[in-house]
Amino acid sequence: MKSKGQVRKFFPGANSAYGFYSFYDQLYGPAFEKVFIFKGGPGTGKSSLLHMIGEEMRSDGFDVEYHYCSAAPHCLDAIVIPAAGLAILDGTAPHVMDPRYPGAVEQIINLGAFWDEAYLVKHRDAIRKLVDEIGDLYRKAYVYLSAAKGYRDAVESYYGMSNHYYIAALENLTLELVEEIFGGKSINKAEARMRKLFASAITSQGTMHHLENLVNPFSLVFVLSGEDGRNKKIIMERVAQAALMRGFYVEAFHCALDPRHIDHLLIPELEVALVNSMEAHCPELGQLYRDVDTSRFAAKLPEEALREKNEFLRNYDLALQNAVTFLHKANQQHDELERYYIPAMRYDGIEKLGEEILEKIRRQVRY
């Protein structure tokens, strides 16, 4: 009997200071042989289909990536099975996905074929109203997320402006980390590659993350602690560059609030992870880990500057809370929207379709 495959959990998109930010182009690569893209409205059964197929493939012994929705964090937006060269995605807004190689690789599955159009037309005005309200609530959430980023940037500016940023000592520490991680390792012959995703998300239920799931299988985890995010960014960037220069595959997990920056770094082949330890995403680590305290590179702030910085921190927390409030309201309205679609769906047909897709997958994948 085959052992059940393992699950890795991610967020492929984020509610960020710049609006919805997508890494859906990172879900699968050119080597994948089969990709299914689901199209359909809310409540059409996309997440349930993804979960069913994922669990069946796990029962067949495949490791499966579960990619969760940043709006409704317990719903799936995609499953990816690297060993089978297979991905199944929700290709509807806001993460619209179109085929790269239509028919040859990707197949579009229209779940709208299973709804009662006349029923939906009957409720057209209510549906339009809800869709417009949801869009407005997201816009308001993104205003607060943009403000939160501004407050956090203000916090970090105190260290640079106060000349408490000891770059030489930090660079020495980074060189030591690079030597510890890569010293004595052979140059990897494979083509270096960085895959970008999110380990955390700002959701309708607050900030959530899947760090324990991602790092607990690793043998060595460096936890970067300290308040000044600039120090951590420099370390992450230097180690990522060192890994790529040596030909390693790297998984870079970007900050959900500001996706321009890397929060966490995984080098699977070496079983090494670097984790940004913050209140929003601090994992419970049961394995060997090393605390890298970056606060030692920042001298104590003067009392007045400390008061100002703490006020910016309070405003950051408040802006983040307000953003989550609007995301929660948007999710509630989305639930209302689903109530119009659920009675319109022929779920028996969708269930049969799922079985057909699964049978097709099993015929094509190599066991």
Protein backbone atom coordinates (compact mmCIF):
# COMPACT_ATOMS: atom_id res chain seq x y z
CA MET A 1 0.00 0.00 0.00
CA LYS A 2 1.34 3.42 -0.98
CA SER A 3 1.96 5.93 1.77
CA LYS A 4 -0.11 9.08 1.51
CA GLY A 5 1.62 12.05 -0.07
CA GLN A 6 2.66 15.10 1.91
CA VAL A 7 1.06 18.55 1.69
CA ARG A 8 2.86 21.87 1.33
CA LYS A 9 0.80 25.02 1.90
CA PHE A 10 1.18 28.42 0.25
CA PHE A 11 -0.62 31.61 -0.72
CA PRO A 12 -0.15 32.45 -4.42
CA GLY A 13 -1.63 35.94 -4.05
CA ALA A 14 -1.77 38.68 -1.43
CA ASN A 15 -3.86 41.63 -0.32
CA SER A 16 -1.06 44.18 -0.31
CA ALA A 17 -0.36 47.89 -0.06
CA TYR A 18 -0.54 47.92 -3.87
CA GLY A 19 -3.86 46.11 -4.14
CA PHE A 20 -4.17 42.43 -5.03
CA TYR A 21 -0.70 41.12 -5.86
CA SER A 22 -0.38 37.87 -7.79
CA PHE A 23 2.37 35.27 -8.11
CA TYR A 24 0.08 32.93 -10.05
CA ASP A 25 2.62 32.86 -12.86
CA GLN A 26 4.90 30.99 -10.42
CA LEU A 27 2.51 28.06 -9.90
CA TYR A 28 3.78 25.95 -12.78
CA GLY A 29 6.60 26.02 -15.31
CA PRO A 30 7.23 25.04 -18.94
CA ALA A 31 8.01 21.43 -17.98
CA PHE A 32 4.42 20.84 -16.82
CA GLU A 33 2.46 18.61 -19.15
CA LYS A 34 -1.12 19.17 -18.01
CA VAL A 35 -2.84 22.20 -16.51
CA PHE A 36 -6.56 22.57 -15.87
CA ILE A 37 -7.95 26.11 -15.46
CA PHE A 38 -11.36 26.36 -13.79
CA LYS A 39 -13.64 29.22 -14.81
CA GLY A 40 -16.87 30.01 -13.00
CA GLY A 41 -18.53 32.29 -10.49
CA PRO A 42 -18.63 32.21 -6.68
CA GLY A 43 -20.12 29.10 -5.13
CA THR A 44 -19.63 27.00 -8.26
CA GLY A 45 -17.57 24.35 -6.45
CA LYS A 46 -14.03 25.20 -7.60
CA SER A 47 -12.40 24.91 -4.18
CA SER A 48 -14.23 21.66 -3.37
CA LEU A 49 -13.12 20.14 -6.70
CA LEU A 50 -9.53 21.16 -6.06
CA HIS A 51 -9.58 19.63 -2.57
CA MET A 52 -11.15 16.37 -3.79
CA ILE A 53 -8.61 15.90 -6.57
CA GLY A 54 -5.74 16.88 -4.27
CA GLU A 55 -6.71 14.32 -1.64
CA GLU A 56 -7.18 11.60 -4.26
CA MET A 57 -3.72 12.29 -5.67
CA ARG A 58 -2.28 12.23 -2.17
CA SER A 59 -3.88 8.80 -1.70
CA ASP A 60 -2.04 7.77 -4.87
CA GLY A 61 1.22 8.70 -3.13
CA PHE A 62 1.88 12.11 -4.71
CA ASP A 63 3.04 15.13 -2.72
CA VAL A 64 0.61 17.99 -3.34
CA GLU A 65 0.95 21.75 -3.03
CA TYR A 66 -2.17 23.41 -1.66
CA HIS A 67 -2.39 27.08 -2.63
CA TYR A 68 -4.91 28.93 -0.48
CA CYS A 69 -7.02 32.01 -1.19
CA SER A 70 -5.86 35.20 0.52
CA ALA A 71 -9.47 36.43 0.75
CA ALA A 72 -10.99 33.25 2.20
CA PRO A 73 -7.94 31.49 3.67
CA HIS A 74 -9.56 28.06 4.08
CA CYS A 75 -10.51 27.86 0.40
CA LEU A 76 -8.17 26.57 -2.29
CA ASP A 77 -7.16 28.59 -5.34
CA ALA A 78 -4.91 25.91 -6.84
CA ILE A 79 -3.26 22.55 -6.37
CA VAL A 80 0.11 21.70 -7.90
CA ILE A 81 1.66 18.24 -8.17
CA PRO A 82 5.25 18.79 -9.33
CA ALA A 83 6.16 15.10 -9.66
CA ALA A 84 3.23 14.58 -12.03
CA GLY A 85 3.77 17.80 -13.98
CA LEU A 86 0.19 18.74 -13.10
CA ALA A 87 -1.51 21.93 -11.91
CA ILE A 88 -5.19 22.75 -11.44
CA LEU A 89 -6.05 26.41 -10.95
CA ASP A 90 -8.95 28.71 -10.24
CA GLY A 91 -8.60 31.12 -13.14
CA THR A 92 -11.29 33.63 -12.17
CA ALA A 93 -10.88 37.22 -10.93
CA PRO A 94 -8.89 38.63 -9.25
CA HIS A 95 -6.31 36.02 -10.30
CA VAL A 96 -7.34 35.66 -13.93
CA MET A 97 -5.32 32.95 -15.65
CA ASP A 98 -5.25 32.40 -19.41
CA PRO A 99 -3.53 29.52 -21.21
CA ARG A 100 0.07 29.82 -22.29
CA TYR A 101 -0.17 26.76 -24.54
CA PRO A 102 -3.92 26.33 -25.15
CA GLY A 103 -4.97 22.77 -25.72
CA ALA A 104 -1.40 21.46 -25.79
CA VAL A 105 -0.91 21.97 -22.05
CA GLU A 106 -3.79 23.95 -20.55
CA GLN A 107 -7.43 23.00 -20.69
CA ILE A 108 -10.16 25.44 -19.64
CA ILE A 109 -12.99 23.91 -17.58
CA ASN A 110 -16.15 26.03 -17.68
CA LEU A 111 -18.14 25.41 -14.51
CA GLY A 112 -20.66 27.95 -15.77
CA ALA A 113 -22.01 25.16 -17.93
CA PHE A 114 -23.61 23.74 -14.79
CA TRP A 115 -25.59 26.76 -13.64
CA ASP A 116 -29.17 27.75 -14.29
CA GLU A 117 -28.74 30.96 -16.26
CA ALA A 118 -32.42 31.89 -15.99
CA TYR A 119 -32.22 31.75 -12.18
CA LEU A 120 -29.17 34.04 -12.13
CA VAL A 121 -30.75 36.50 -14.60
CA LYS A 122 -33.77 36.65 -12.31
CA HIS A 123 -31.48 37.88 -9.50
CA ARG A 124 -29.30 40.03 -11.73
CA ASP A 125 -29.81 43.31 -9.86
CA ALA A 126 -28.96 41.81 -6.47
CA ILE A 127 -25.87 40.12 -7.92
CA ARG A 128 -24.68 43.36 -9.53
CA LYS A 129 -25.18 45.24 -6.27
CA LEU A 130 -23.19 42.71 -4.26
CA VAL A 131 -20.33 42.56 -6.78
CA ASP A 132 -20.05 46.37 -6.76
CA GLU A 133 -20.15 46.48 -2.95
CA ILE A 134 -17.41 43.84 -2.69
CA GLY A 135 -15.18 45.81 -5.06
CA ASP A 136 -15.72 48.97 -3.02
CA LEU A 137 -14.87 47.19 0.25
CA TYR A 138 -11.63 45.87 -1.22
CA ARG A 139 -10.68 49.33 -2.42
CA LYS A 140 -11.16 50.65 1.12
CA ALA A 141 -9.11 47.78 2.57
CA TYR A 142 -6.27 48.59 0.18
CA VAL A 143 -6.31 52.25 1.24
CA TYR A 144 -5.63 51.12 4.82
CA LEU A 145 -2.98 48.62 3.70
CA SER A 146 -1.22 51.39 1.80
CA ALA A 147 -1.34 53.53 4.96
CA ALA A 148 -0.01 50.61 7.03
CA LYS A 149 2.98 50.32 4.73
CA GLY A 150 3.63 54.05 5.08
CA TYR A 151 3.62 53.79 8.87
CA ARG A 152 5.92 50.79 8.81
CA ASP A 153 8.32 52.55 6.45
CA ALA A 154 8.33 55.46 8.90
CA VAL A 155 9.29 53.09 11.73
CA GLU A 156 12.22 51.69 9.74
CA SER A 157 13.37 55.17 8.73
CA TYR A 158 14.32 55.97 12.33
CA TYR A 159 17.20 53.52 12.24
CA GLY A 160 18.68 54.88 9.03
CA MET A 161 18.15 58.56 9.90
CA SER A 162 19.59 58.05 13.37
CA ASN A 163 22.76 56.54 11.90
CA HIS A 164 22.21 53.39 13.96
CA TYR A 165 22.61 51.07 11.04
CA TYR A 166 25.95 49.29 11.31
CA ILE A 167 26.31 48.06 7.77
CA ALA A 168 29.88 46.72 8.05
CA ALA A 169 29.08 44.44 10.99
CA LEU A 170 25.91 43.29 9.26
CA GLU A 171 27.82 42.44 6.09
CA ASN A 172 30.29 40.41 8.15
CA LEU A 173 27.44 38.46 9.70
CA THR A 174 25.97 37.84 6.26
CA LEU A 175 29.30 36.52 4.98
CA GLU A 176 29.47 34.17 7.98
CA LEU A 177 25.96 32.88 7.23
CA VAL A 178 26.82 32.33 3.57
CA GLU A 179 29.91 30.38 4.56
CA GLU A 180 27.98 28.27 7.07
CA ILE A 181 25.24 27.47 4.57
CA PHE A 182 27.31 26.94 1.42
CA GLY A 183 30.86 26.28 2.68
CA GLY A 184 32.18 22.96 1.36
CA LYS A 185 29.13 22.48 -0.89
CA SER A 186 29.72 21.70 -4.54
CA ILE A 187 28.44 24.09 -7.18
CA ASN A 188 25.08 22.77 -8.31
CA LYS A 189 25.06 21.71 -11.96
CA ALA A 190 21.35 22.46 -12.35
CA GLU A 191 20.08 25.79 -13.64
CA ALA A 192 19.55 28.21 -10.77
CA ARG A 193 15.95 29.25 -10.27
CA MET A 194 13.97 31.34 -7.80
CA ARG A 195 10.28 30.67 -7.26
CA LYS A 196 8.28 33.50 -5.68
CA LEU A 197 5.22 32.89 -3.52
CA PHE A 198 3.68 33.99 -0.21
CA ALA A 199 3.86 32.08 3.07
CA SER A 200 1.55 34.56 4.77
CA ALA A 201 -1.46 36.65 3.84
CA ILE A 202 -3.55 39.51 5.20
CA THR A 203 -6.96 37.87 5.13
CA SER A 204 -10.56 38.45 6.17
CA GLN A 205 -9.63 36.63 9.40
CA GLY A 206 -6.46 38.59 10.09
CA THR A 207 -2.87 37.80 9.24
CA MET A 208 -2.29 34.07 8.67
CA HIS A 209 0.73 32.02 7.65
CA HIS A 210 1.83 28.49 6.77
CA LEU A 211 5.42 28.75 8.01
CA GLU A 212 5.36 25.69 10.25
CA ASN A 213 4.20 23.54 7.36
CA LEU A 214 6.95 24.88 5.10
CA VAL A 215 9.99 24.93 7.40
CA ASN A 216 9.43 22.08 9.85
CA PRO A 217 10.77 19.42 7.42
CA PHE A 218 14.05 21.36 7.18
CA SER A 219 17.10 20.44 9.23
CA LEU A 220 18.36 23.97 9.90
CA VAL A 221 16.35 27.16 10.25
CA PHE A 222 17.86 30.59 10.83
CA VAL A 223 15.36 32.87 12.59
CA LEU A 224 16.12 36.53 11.92
CA SER A 225 14.91 38.52 14.92
CA GLY A 226 14.99 42.25 15.56
CA GLU A 227 12.75 45.19 14.74
CA ASP A 228 14.65 46.86 11.91
CA GLY A 229 13.40 45.18 8.75
CA ARG A 230 16.21 46.66 6.67
CA ASN A 231 18.76 44.39 8.31
CA LYS A 232 16.70 41.31 7.51
CA LYS A 233 16.12 42.37 3.91
CA ILE A 234 19.86 42.71 3.33
CA ILE A 235 20.56 39.26 4.79
CA MET A 236 17.78 37.63 2.75
CA GLU A 237 18.92 39.26 -0.48
CA ARG A 238 22.59 38.36 0.04
CA VAL A 239 21.85 34.71 0.86
CA ALA A 240 19.44 34.42 -2.07
CA GLN A 241 22.10 35.81 -4.42
CA ALA A 242 24.69 33.39 -3.02
CA ALA A 243 22.33 30.43 -3.55
CA LEU A 244 21.53 31.40 -7.13
CA MET A 245 25.20 31.99 -7.96
CA ARG A 246 25.90 28.43 -6.83
CA GLY A 247 23.11 26.99 -8.95
CA PHE A 248 20.55 26.17 -6.25
CA TYR A 249 16.79 26.26 -6.53
CA VAL A 250 15.41 28.84 -4.10
CA GLU A 251 11.92 29.48 -2.79
CA ALA A 252 11.46 33.13 -1.88
CA PHE A 253 8.42 34.04 0.20
CA HIS A 254 7.60 37.69 -0.16
CA CYS A 255 6.06 40.11 2.32
CA ALA A 256 2.27 40.17 1.95
CA LEU A 257 2.07 43.88 2.76
CA ASP A 258 4.98 44.92 0.54
CA PRO A 259 5.66 42.14 -2.01
CA ARG A 260 8.80 43.89 -3.28
CA HIS A 261 10.66 42.41 -0.31
CA ILE A 262 11.48 38.85 0.73
CA ASP A 263 10.38 37.76 4.20
CA HIS A 264 11.50 34.11 4.14
CA LEU A 265 13.92 32.05 2.10
CA LEU A 266 14.05 28.27 1.61
CA ILE A 267 16.81 26.26 -0.06
CA PRO A 268 15.18 22.80 -0.28
CA GLU A 269 18.21 20.86 -1.51
CA LEU A 270 20.22 21.94 1.55
CA GLU A 271 17.23 21.78 3.95
CA VAL A 272 18.04 25.32 5.04
CA ALA A 273 15.53 28.09 5.74
CA LEU A 274 15.81 31.73 6.75
CA VAL A 275 12.72 33.05 8.52
CA ASN A 276 11.83 36.64 9.36
CA SER A 277 10.58 36.47 12.93
CA MET A 278 7.76 38.96 13.37
CA GLU A 279 4.56 38.90 15.38
CA ALA A 280 2.54 38.37 12.21
CA HIS A 281 4.44 35.26 11.19
CA CYS A 282 6.44 33.65 13.98
CA PRO A 283 6.50 29.86 13.60
CA GLU A 284 6.59 27.24 16.33
CA LEU A 285 9.86 25.50 15.53
CA GLY A 286 10.49 22.01 16.79
CA GLN A 287 13.78 21.37 14.98
CA LEU A 288 17.28 22.80 15.10
CA TYR A 289 17.20 26.52 14.62
CA ARG A 290 19.53 29.45 15.08
CA ASP A 291 18.50 32.85 16.36
CA VAL A 292 20.14 35.63 14.37
CA ASP A 293 19.57 38.79 16.39
CA THR A 294 19.76 41.75 14.00
CA SER A 295 18.87 44.26 16.74
CA ARG A 296 22.53 44.32 17.80
CA PHE A 297 23.25 46.40 14.69
CA ALA A 298 20.99 49.22 15.86
CA ALA A 299 21.93 51.36 18.83
CA LYS A 300 19.27 52.45 21.30
CA LEU A 301 17.10 55.27 19.99
CA PRO A 302 16.85 58.56 21.92
CA GLU A 303 13.76 58.75 24.11
CA GLU A 304 11.92 61.25 21.90
CA ALA A 305 12.62 59.25 18.74
CA LEU A 306 11.50 56.09 20.52
CA ARG A 307 8.16 57.73 21.43
CA GLU A 308 7.65 58.86 17.85
CA LYS A 309 8.54 55.44 16.48
CA ASN A 310 6.13 53.71 18.86
CA GLU A 311 3.34 56.07 17.77
CA PHE A 312 3.97 55.06 14.16
CA LEU A 313 3.83 51.43 15.27
CA ARG A 314 0.45 52.01 16.91
CA ASN A 315 -0.85 53.66 13.76
CA TYR A 316 0.50 50.75 11.71
CA ASP A 317 -1.40 48.26 13.89
CA LEU A 318 -4.58 50.35 13.68
CA ALA A 319 -4.39 50.67 9.88
CA LEU A 320 -3.85 46.93 9.56
CA GLN A 321 -6.85 46.22 11.82
CA ASN A 322 -9.03 48.55 9.75
CA ALA A 323 -7.93 46.83 6.55
CA VAL A 324 -8.86 43.43 8.00
CA THR A 325 -12.26 44.83 9.02
CA PHE A 326 -13.01 45.77 5.41
CA LEU A 327 -11.68 42.45 4.13
CA HIS A 328 -14.01 40.70 6.59
CA LYS A 329 -16.97 42.75 5.36
CA ALA A 330 -16.05 41.92 1.76
CA ASN A 331 -15.93 38.23 2.63
CA GLN A 332 -19.36 38.45 4.26
CA GLN A 333 -20.75 40.04 1.10
CA HIS A 334 -19.07 37.33 -0.95
CA ASP A 335 -20.90 34.74 1.16
CA GLU A 336 -24.14 36.57 0.33
CA LEU A 337 -23.22 36.44 -3.35
CA GLU A 338 -22.66 32.70 -3.15
CA ARG A 339 -26.20 32.28 -1.84
CA TYR A 340 -27.47 33.31 -5.26
CA TYR A 341 -25.18 30.92 -7.10
CA ILE A 342 -25.47 27.81 -4.95
CA PRO A 343 -29.19 27.18 -5.74
CA ALA A 344 -28.42 27.73 -9.42
CA MET A 345 -25.77 24.99 -9.61
CA ARG A 346 -26.14 21.37 -10.72
CA TYR A 347 -23.57 19.94 -8.34
CA ASP A 348 -24.22 16.37 -9.47
CA GLY A 349 -22.86 17.37 -12.87
CA ILE A 350 -19.84 19.06 -11.28
CA GLU A 351 -19.17 15.97 -9.17
CA LYS A 352 -19.25 13.80 -12.29
CA LEU A 353 -16.94 16.26 -14.04
CA GLY A 354 -14.49 16.01 -11.14
CA GLU A 355 -14.44 12.23 -11.45
CA GLU A 356 -13.79 12.52 -15.20
CA ILE A 357 -10.91 14.95 -14.64
CA LEU A 358 -9.42 12.65 -12.00
CA GLU A 359 -9.68 9.64 -14.31
CA LYS A 360 -8.02 11.63 -17.09
CA ILE A 361 -5.21 12.67 -14.76
CA ARG A 362 -4.60 9.12 -13.60
CA ARG A 363 -4.38 7.92 -17.21
CA GLN A 364 -1.80 10.56 -18.07
CA VAL A 365 0.49 10.84 -15.05
CA ARG A 366 3.45 8.57 -14.57
CA TYR A 367 3.36 6.53 -11.35
